PDB file of all heavy atoms in Angstrom:
ATOM      1  N   LEU A   1      -4.839   7.887  18.804  1.00  0.00           N
ATOM      2  CA  LEU A   1      -4.759   9.360  18.556  1.00  0.00           C
ATOM      3  C   LEU A   1      -3.299   9.764  18.222  1.00  0.00           C
ATOM      4  O   LEU A   1      -3.110  10.627  17.360  1.00  0.00           O
ATOM      5  CB  LEU A   1      -5.249  10.121  19.790  1.00  0.00           C
ATOM      6  CG  LEU A   1      -6.740  10.047  20.090  1.00  0.00           C
ATOM      7  CD1 LEU A   1      -7.060  10.930  21.288  1.00  0.00           C
ATOM      8  CD2 LEU A   1      -7.568  10.463  18.918  1.00  0.00           C
ATOM      9  N   VAL A   2      -2.334   9.172  18.909  1.00  0.00           N
ATOM     10  CA  VAL A   2      -0.922   9.479  18.607  1.00  0.00           C
ATOM     11  C   VAL A   2      -0.574   9.049  17.184  1.00  0.00           C
ATOM     12  O   VAL A   2       0.103   9.769  16.436  1.00  0.00           O
ATOM     13  CB  VAL A   2      -0.027   8.812  19.636  1.00  0.00           C
ATOM     14  CG1 VAL A   2       1.431   8.948  19.237  1.00  0.00           C
ATOM     15  CG2 VAL A   2      -0.242   9.386  21.037  1.00  0.00           C
ATOM     16  N   LEU A   3      -1.019   7.846  16.782  1.00  0.00           N
ATOM     17  CA  LEU A   3      -0.765   7.394  15.450  1.00  0.00           C
ATOM     18  C   LEU A   3      -1.414   8.329  14.381  1.00  0.00           C
ATOM     19  O   LEU A   3      -0.832   8.621  13.354  1.00  0.00           O
ATOM     20  CB  LEU A   3      -1.263   5.944  15.296  1.00  0.00           C
ATOM     21  CG  LEU A   3      -0.538   4.896  16.029  1.00  0.00           C
ATOM     22  CD1 LEU A   3      -1.189   3.537  15.885  1.00  0.00           C
ATOM     23  CD2 LEU A   3       0.938   4.821  15.619  1.00  0.00           C
ATOM     24  N   LEU A   4      -2.672   8.755  14.678  1.00  0.00           N
ATOM     25  CA  LEU A   4      -3.343   9.660  13.760  1.00  0.00           C
ATOM     26  C   LEU A   4      -2.627  11.033  13.758  1.00  0.00           C
ATOM     27  O   LEU A   4      -2.740  11.783  12.758  1.00  0.00           O
ATOM     28  CB  LEU A   4      -4.802   9.838  14.163  1.00  0.00           C
ATOM     29  CG  LEU A   4      -5.701   8.611  13.926  1.00  0.00           C
ATOM     30  CD1 LEU A   4      -7.112   8.860  14.465  1.00  0.00           C
ATOM     31  CD2 LEU A   4      -5.762   8.251  12.448  1.00  0.00           C
ATOM     32  N   ARG A   5      -1.961  11.323  14.827  1.00  0.00           N
ATOM     33  CA  ARG A   5      -1.262  12.632  14.903  1.00  0.00           C
ATOM     34  C   ARG A   5       0.032  12.610  14.106  1.00  0.00           C
ATOM     35  O   ARG A   5       0.331  13.558  13.343  1.00  0.00           O
ATOM     36  CB  ARG A   5      -0.986  12.959  16.381  1.00  0.00           C
ATOM     37  CG  ARG A   5       0.049  14.055  16.654  1.00  0.00           C
ATOM     38  CD  ARG A   5      -0.520  15.435  16.249  1.00  0.00           C
ATOM     39  NE  ARG A   5       0.397  16.462  16.645  1.00  0.00           N
ATOM     40  CZ  ARG A   5       1.429  16.909  15.951  1.00  0.00           C
ATOM     41  NH1 ARG A   5       1.647  16.377  14.733  1.00  0.00           N
ATOM     42  NH2 ARG A   5       2.161  17.876  16.346  1.00  0.00           N
ATOM     43  N   PHE A   6       0.799  11.523  14.193  1.00  0.00           N
ATOM     44  CA  PHE A   6       2.127  11.499  13.589  1.00  0.00           C
ATOM     45  C   PHE A   6       2.167  10.700  12.276  1.00  0.00           C
ATOM     46  O   PHE A   6       3.080  10.889  11.483  1.00  0.00           O
ATOM     47  CB  PHE A   6       3.157  10.958  14.572  1.00  0.00           C
ATOM     48  CG  PHE A   6       3.363  11.888  15.751  1.00  0.00           C
ATOM     49  CD1 PHE A   6       2.819  11.589  16.965  1.00  0.00           C
ATOM     50  CD2 PHE A   6       4.130  13.022  15.615  1.00  0.00           C
ATOM     51  CE1 PHE A   6       3.005  12.443  18.084  1.00  0.00           C
ATOM     52  CE2 PHE A   6       4.340  13.861  16.704  1.00  0.00           C
ATOM     53  CZ  PHE A   6       3.749  13.563  17.914  1.00  0.00           C
ATOM     54  N   LEU A   7       1.301   9.745  12.113  1.00  0.00           N
ATOM     55  CA  LEU A   7       1.352   8.873  10.913  1.00  0.00           C
ATOM     56  C   LEU A   7      -0.024   8.852  10.216  1.00  0.00           C
ATOM     57  O   LEU A   7      -0.519   7.757   9.825  1.00  0.00           O
ATOM     58  CB  LEU A   7       1.723   7.452  11.321  1.00  0.00           C
ATOM     59  CG  LEU A   7       3.108   7.253  11.977  1.00  0.00           C
ATOM     60  CD1 LEU A   7       3.263   5.829  12.443  1.00  0.00           C
ATOM     61  CD2 LEU A   7       4.223   7.649  10.998  1.00  0.00           C
ATOM     62  N   PRO A   8      -0.637  10.000   9.976  1.00  0.00           N
ATOM     63  CA  PRO A   8      -1.947   9.950   9.316  1.00  0.00           C
ATOM     64  C   PRO A   8      -1.890   9.473   7.873  1.00  0.00           C
ATOM     65  O   PRO A   8      -2.750   8.755   7.385  1.00  0.00           O
ATOM     66  CB  PRO A   8      -2.447  11.420   9.405  1.00  0.00           C
ATOM     67  CG  PRO A   8      -1.180  12.208   9.544  1.00  0.00           C
ATOM     68  CD  PRO A   8      -0.226  11.371  10.285  1.00  0.00           C
ATOM     69  N   GLY A   9      -0.808   9.903   7.163  1.00  0.00           N
ATOM     70  CA  GLY A   9      -0.697   9.465   5.754  1.00  0.00           C
ATOM     71  C   GLY A   9      -0.503   7.982   5.644  1.00  0.00           C
ATOM     72  O   GLY A   9      -1.144   7.343   4.773  1.00  0.00           O
ATOM     73  N   PHE A  10       0.345   7.405   6.476  1.00  0.00           N
ATOM     74  CA  PHE A  10       0.580   5.962   6.440  1.00  0.00           C
ATOM     75  C   PHE A  10      -0.752   5.211   6.704  1.00  0.00           C
ATOM     76  O   PHE A  10      -1.090   4.254   6.036  1.00  0.00           O
ATOM     77  CB  PHE A  10       1.627   5.614   7.449  1.00  0.00           C
ATOM     78  CG  PHE A  10       1.880   4.127   7.611  1.00  0.00           C
ATOM     79  CD1 PHE A  10       2.589   3.406   6.637  1.00  0.00           C
ATOM     80  CD2 PHE A  10       1.316   3.404   8.638  1.00  0.00           C
ATOM     81  CE1 PHE A  10       2.801   2.045   6.762  1.00  0.00           C
ATOM     82  CE2 PHE A  10       1.529   2.080   8.793  1.00  0.00           C
ATOM     83  CZ  PHE A  10       2.252   1.348   7.859  1.00  0.00           C
ATOM     84  N   ILE A  11      -1.490   5.663   7.730  1.00  0.00           N
ATOM     85  CA  ILE A  11      -2.701   4.966   8.139  1.00  0.00           C
ATOM     86  C   ILE A  11      -3.743   5.052   7.050  1.00  0.00           C
ATOM     87  O   ILE A  11      -4.387   4.051   6.670  1.00  0.00           O
ATOM     88  CB  ILE A  11      -3.222   5.562   9.448  1.00  0.00           C
ATOM     89  CG1 ILE A  11      -2.246   5.227  10.617  1.00  0.00           C
ATOM     90  CG2 ILE A  11      -4.597   5.000   9.798  1.00  0.00           C
ATOM     91  CD1 ILE A  11      -2.628   5.863  11.910  1.00  0.00           C
ATOM     92  N   VAL A  12      -3.957   6.282   6.514  1.00  0.00           N
ATOM     93  CA  VAL A  12      -5.008   6.469   5.497  1.00  0.00           C
ATOM     94  C   VAL A  12      -4.679   5.642   4.241  1.00  0.00           C
ATOM     95  O   VAL A  12      -5.546   4.961   3.725  1.00  0.00           O
ATOM     96  CB  VAL A  12      -5.137   7.955   5.168  1.00  0.00           C
ATOM     97  CG1 VAL A  12      -6.023   8.160   3.937  1.00  0.00           C
ATOM     98  CG2 VAL A  12      -5.726   8.673   6.337  1.00  0.00           C
ATOM     99  N   TRP A  13      -3.467   5.707   3.751  1.00  0.00           N
ATOM    100  CA  TRP A  13      -3.138   4.978   2.539  1.00  0.00           C
ATOM    101  C   TRP A  13      -3.097   3.478   2.737  1.00  0.00           C
ATOM    102  O   TRP A  13      -3.436   2.683   1.818  1.00  0.00           O
ATOM    103  CB  TRP A  13      -1.795   5.458   1.964  1.00  0.00           C
ATOM    104  CG  TRP A  13      -1.936   6.835   1.334  1.00  0.00           C
ATOM    105  CD1 TRP A  13      -1.392   7.979   1.823  1.00  0.00           C
ATOM    106  CD2 TRP A  13      -2.644   7.177   0.156  1.00  0.00           C
ATOM    107  NE1 TRP A  13      -1.731   9.021   0.983  1.00  0.00           N
ATOM    108  CE2 TRP A  13      -2.496   8.557  -0.059  1.00  0.00           C
ATOM    109  CE3 TRP A  13      -3.381   6.444  -0.756  1.00  0.00           C
ATOM    110  CZ2 TRP A  13      -3.087   9.235  -1.098  1.00  0.00           C
ATOM    111  CZ3 TRP A  13      -3.976   7.105  -1.836  1.00  0.00           C
ATOM    112  CH2 TRP A  13      -3.799   8.478  -2.014  1.00  0.00           C
ATOM    113  N   VAL A  14      -2.697   3.029   3.932  1.00  0.00           N
ATOM    114  CA  VAL A  14      -2.816   1.587   4.213  1.00  0.00           C
ATOM    115  C   VAL A  14      -4.221   1.117   4.222  1.00  0.00           C
ATOM    116  O   VAL A  14      -4.570   0.048   3.678  1.00  0.00           O
ATOM    117  CB  VAL A  14      -2.100   1.265   5.557  1.00  0.00           C
ATOM    118  CG1 VAL A  14      -2.485  -0.124   6.036  1.00  0.00           C
ATOM    119  CG2 VAL A  14      -0.573   1.357   5.395  1.00  0.00           C
ATOM    120  N   VAL A  15      -5.129   1.921   4.772  1.00  0.00           N
ATOM    121  CA  VAL A  15      -6.541   1.562   4.779  1.00  0.00           C
ATOM    122  C   VAL A  15      -7.107   1.510   3.379  1.00  0.00           C
ATOM    123  O   VAL A  15      -7.811   0.570   2.998  1.00  0.00           O
ATOM    124  CB  VAL A  15      -7.348   2.577   5.662  1.00  0.00           C
ATOM    125  CG1 VAL A  15      -8.836   2.406   5.440  1.00  0.00           C
ATOM    126  CG2 VAL A  15      -6.997   2.395   7.142  1.00  0.00           C
ATOM    127  N   LEU A  16      -6.809   2.540   2.557  1.00  0.00           N
ATOM    128  CA  LEU A  16      -7.295   2.537   1.180  1.00  0.00           C
ATOM    129  C   LEU A  16      -6.715   1.368   0.395  1.00  0.00           C
ATOM    130  O   LEU A  16      -7.420   0.738  -0.425  1.00  0.00           O
ATOM    131  CB  LEU A  16      -6.930   3.880   0.524  1.00  0.00           C
ATOM    132  CG  LEU A  16      -7.652   5.083   1.052  1.00  0.00           C
ATOM    133  CD1 LEU A  16      -7.167   6.357   0.377  1.00  0.00           C
ATOM    134  CD2 LEU A  16      -9.171   4.944   0.860  1.00  0.00           C
ATOM    135  N   LEU A  17      -5.423   1.095   0.590  1.00  0.00           N
ATOM    136  CA  LEU A  17      -4.795  -0.048  -0.120  1.00  0.00           C
ATOM    137  C   LEU A  17      -5.451  -1.346   0.343  1.00  0.00           C
ATOM    138  O   LEU A  17      -5.693  -2.245  -0.519  1.00  0.00           O
ATOM    139  CB  LEU A  17      -3.301  -0.073   0.185  1.00  0.00           C
ATOM    140  CG  LEU A  17      -2.508  -1.165  -0.512  1.00  0.00           C
ATOM    141  CD1 LEU A  17      -2.597  -1.026  -2.001  1.00  0.00           C
ATOM    142  CD2 LEU A  17      -1.066  -1.150  -0.039  1.00  0.00           C
ATOM    143  N   ALA A  18      -5.776  -1.461   1.615  1.00  0.00           N
ATOM    144  CA  ALA A  18      -6.406  -2.686   2.080  1.00  0.00           C
ATOM    145  C   ALA A  18      -7.809  -2.840   1.471  1.00  0.00           C
ATOM    146  O   ALA A  18      -8.220  -3.950   1.114  1.00  0.00           O
ATOM    147  CB  ALA A  18      -6.506  -2.667   3.600  1.00  0.00           C
ATOM    148  N   VAL A  19      -8.527  -1.729   1.314  1.00  0.00           N
ATOM    149  CA  VAL A  19      -9.843  -1.811   0.667  1.00  0.00           C
ATOM    150  C   VAL A  19      -9.706  -2.220  -0.781  1.00  0.00           C
ATOM    151  O   VAL A  19     -10.462  -3.081  -1.277  1.00  0.00           O
ATOM    152  CB  VAL A  19     -10.539  -0.448   0.776  1.00  0.00           C
ATOM    153  CG1 VAL A  19     -11.807  -0.385  -0.067  1.00  0.00           C
ATOM    154  CG2 VAL A  19     -10.900  -0.117   2.206  1.00  0.00           C
ATOM    155  N   ILE A  20      -8.752  -1.653  -1.500  1.00  0.00           N
ATOM    156  CA  ILE A  20      -8.563  -2.025  -2.910  1.00  0.00           C
ATOM    157  C   ILE A  20      -8.148  -3.510  -3.052  1.00  0.00           C
ATOM    158  O   ILE A  20      -8.652  -4.225  -3.901  1.00  0.00           O
ATOM    159  CB  ILE A  20      -7.505  -1.118  -3.531  1.00  0.00           C
ATOM    160  CG1 ILE A  20      -8.014   0.325  -3.623  1.00  0.00           C
ATOM    161  CG2 ILE A  20      -7.108  -1.595  -4.931  1.00  0.00           C
ATOM    162  CD1 ILE A  20      -6.988   1.304  -4.113  1.00  0.00           C
ATOM    163  N   VAL A  21      -7.242  -3.940  -2.163  1.00  0.00           N
ATOM    164  CA  VAL A  21      -6.799  -5.360  -2.208  1.00  0.00           C
ATOM    165  C   VAL A  21      -7.965  -6.282  -1.879  1.00  0.00           C
ATOM    166  O   VAL A  21      -8.152  -7.322  -2.543  1.00  0.00           O
ATOM    167  CB  VAL A  21      -5.610  -5.581  -1.230  1.00  0.00           C
ATOM    168  CG1 VAL A  21      -5.335  -7.041  -1.085  1.00  0.00           C
ATOM    169  CG2 VAL A  21      -4.383  -4.830  -1.709  1.00  0.00           C
ATOM    170  N   ALA A  22      -8.772  -5.920  -0.884  1.00  0.00           N
ATOM    171  CA  ALA A  22      -9.908  -6.733  -0.519  1.00  0.00           C
ATOM    172  C   ALA A  22     -10.885  -6.846  -1.656  1.00  0.00           C
ATOM    173  O   ALA A  22     -11.419  -7.951  -1.988  1.00  0.00           O
ATOM    174  CB  ALA A  22     -10.581  -6.207   0.727  1.00  0.00           C
ATOM    175  N   CYS A  23     -11.195  -5.715  -2.312  1.00  0.00           N
ATOM    176  CA  CYS A  23     -12.127  -5.740  -3.461  1.00  0.00           C
ATOM    177  C   CYS A  23     -11.541  -6.558  -4.616  1.00  0.00           C
ATOM    178  O   CYS A  23     -12.276  -7.343  -5.245  1.00  0.00           O
ATOM    179  CB  CYS A  23     -12.388  -4.300  -3.921  1.00  0.00           C
ATOM    180  SG  CYS A  23     -13.342  -3.306  -2.765  1.00  0.00           S
ATOM    181  N   THR A  24     -10.247  -6.408  -4.851  1.00  0.00           N
ATOM    182  CA  THR A  24      -9.629  -7.145  -5.933  1.00  0.00           C
ATOM    183  C   THR A  24      -9.637  -8.653  -5.671  1.00  0.00           C
ATOM    184  O   THR A  24     -10.002  -9.462  -6.595  1.00  0.00           O
ATOM    185  CB  THR A  24      -8.199  -6.646  -6.185  1.00  0.00           C
ATOM    186  OG1 THR A  24      -8.210  -5.252  -6.383  1.00  0.00           O
ATOM    187  CG2 THR A  24      -7.581  -7.343  -7.355  1.00  0.00           C
ATOM    188  N   VAL A  25      -9.229  -9.047  -4.489  1.00  0.00           N
ATOM    189  CA  VAL A  25      -9.157 -10.444  -4.146  1.00  0.00           C
ATOM    190  C   VAL A  25     -10.582 -11.046  -4.185  1.00  0.00           C
ATOM    191  O   VAL A  25     -10.783 -12.175  -4.691  1.00  0.00           O
ATOM    192  CB  VAL A  25      -8.514 -10.647  -2.757  1.00  0.00           C
ATOM    193  CG1 VAL A  25      -8.686 -12.091  -2.304  1.00  0.00           C
ATOM    194  CG2 VAL A  25      -7.048 -10.269  -2.804  1.00  0.00           C
ATOM    195  N   GLY A  26     -11.560 -10.330  -3.630  1.00  0.00           N
ATOM    196  CA  GLY A  26     -12.937 -10.807  -3.658  1.00  0.00           C
ATOM    197  C   GLY A  26     -13.482 -10.964  -5.104  1.00  0.00           C
ATOM    198  O   GLY A  26     -14.134 -11.988  -5.406  1.00  0.00           O
ATOM    199  N   THR A  27     -13.106 -10.036  -5.980  1.00  0.00           N
ATOM    200  CA  THR A  27     -13.548 -10.141  -7.361  1.00  0.00           C
ATOM    201  C   THR A  27     -12.885 -11.345  -8.051  1.00  0.00           C
ATOM    202  O   THR A  27     -13.597 -12.095  -8.781  1.00  0.00           O
ATOM    203  CB  THR A  27     -13.203  -8.841  -8.101  1.00  0.00           C
ATOM    204  OG1 THR A  27     -13.852  -7.733  -7.444  1.00  0.00           O
ATOM    205  CG2 THR A  27     -13.666  -8.909  -9.527  1.00  0.00           C
ATOM    206  N   ILE A  28     -11.618 -11.514  -7.867  1.00  0.00           N
ATOM    207  CA  ILE A  28     -10.922 -12.645  -8.491  1.00  0.00           C
ATOM    208  C   ILE A  28     -11.526 -13.960  -7.994  1.00  0.00           C
ATOM    209  O   ILE A  28     -11.705 -14.915  -8.760  1.00  0.00           O
ATOM    210  CB  ILE A  28      -9.408 -12.574  -8.171  1.00  0.00           C
ATOM    211  CG1 ILE A  28      -8.821 -11.341  -8.890  1.00  0.00           C
ATOM    212  CG2 ILE A  28      -8.721 -13.835  -8.634  1.00  0.00           C
ATOM    213  CD1 ILE A  28      -7.338 -11.082  -8.543  1.00  0.00           C
ATOM    214  N   TRP A  29     -11.776 -14.005  -6.636  1.00  0.00           N
ATOM    215  CA  TRP A  29     -12.319 -15.281  -6.107  1.00  0.00           C
ATOM    216  C   TRP A  29     -13.695 -15.599  -6.695  1.00  0.00           C
ATOM    217  O   TRP A  29     -14.024 -16.764  -6.975  1.00  0.00           O
ATOM    218  CB  TRP A  29     -12.444 -15.134  -4.609  1.00  0.00           C
ATOM    219  CG  TRP A  29     -12.988 -16.391  -3.944  1.00  0.00           C
ATOM    220  CD1 TRP A  29     -12.307 -17.528  -3.622  1.00  0.00           C
ATOM    221  CD2 TRP A  29     -14.353 -16.620  -3.579  1.00  0.00           C
ATOM    222  NE1 TRP A  29     -13.154 -18.488  -3.045  1.00  0.00           N
ATOM    223  CE2 TRP A  29     -14.410 -17.937  -3.030  1.00  0.00           C
ATOM    224  CE3 TRP A  29     -15.501 -15.863  -3.664  1.00  0.00           C
ATOM    225  CZ2 TRP A  29     -15.608 -18.482  -2.553  1.00  0.00           C
ATOM    226  CZ3 TRP A  29     -16.690 -16.423  -3.218  1.00  0.00           C
ATOM    227  CH2 TRP A  29     -16.734 -17.713  -2.671  1.00  0.00           C
ATOM    228  N   LEU A  30     -14.523 -14.572  -6.903  1.00  0.00           N
ATOM    229  CA  LEU A  30     -15.862 -14.761  -7.494  1.00  0.00           C
ATOM    230  C   LEU A  30     -15.738 -15.298  -8.941  1.00  0.00           C
ATOM    231  O   LEU A  30     -16.516 -16.180  -9.354  1.00  0.00           O
ATOM    232  CB  LEU A  30     -16.677 -13.486  -7.456  1.00  0.00           C
ATOM    233  CG  LEU A  30     -17.180 -13.123  -6.047  1.00  0.00           C
ATOM    234  CD1 LEU A  30     -17.825 -11.736  -6.076  1.00  0.00           C
ATOM    235  CD2 LEU A  30     -18.200 -14.145  -5.500  1.00  0.00           C
ATOM    236  N   TRP A  31     -14.812 -14.676  -9.720  1.00  0.00           N
ATOM    237  CA  TRP A  31     -14.622 -15.155 -11.084  1.00  0.00           C
ATOM    238  C   TRP A  31     -14.106 -16.606 -11.108  1.00  0.00           C
ATOM    239  O   TRP A  31     -14.549 -17.420 -11.936  1.00  0.00           O
ATOM    240  CB  TRP A  31     -13.679 -14.241 -11.831  1.00  0.00           C
ATOM    241  CG  TRP A  31     -14.303 -12.953 -12.284  1.00  0.00           C
ATOM    242  CD1 TRP A  31     -14.036 -11.712 -11.857  1.00  0.00           C
ATOM    243  CD2 TRP A  31     -15.303 -12.820 -13.321  1.00  0.00           C
ATOM    244  NE1 TRP A  31     -14.808 -10.780 -12.494  1.00  0.00           N
ATOM    245  CE2 TRP A  31     -15.570 -11.471 -13.451  1.00  0.00           C
ATOM    246  CE3 TRP A  31     -15.977 -13.704 -14.128  1.00  0.00           C
ATOM    247  CZ2 TRP A  31     -16.523 -10.964 -14.343  1.00  0.00           C
ATOM    248  CZ3 TRP A  31     -16.909 -13.210 -15.048  1.00  0.00           C
ATOM    249  CH2 TRP A  31     -17.186 -11.882 -15.133  1.00  0.00           C
TER     250      TRP A  31
END
């Protein structure tokens, strides 16, 4: 809760970046 209170932008964008990286790496591995 403290992290969501003071670092919400960092957490949200790290999560979205992790999703994009995971999708990209998975796609490259399949090809």
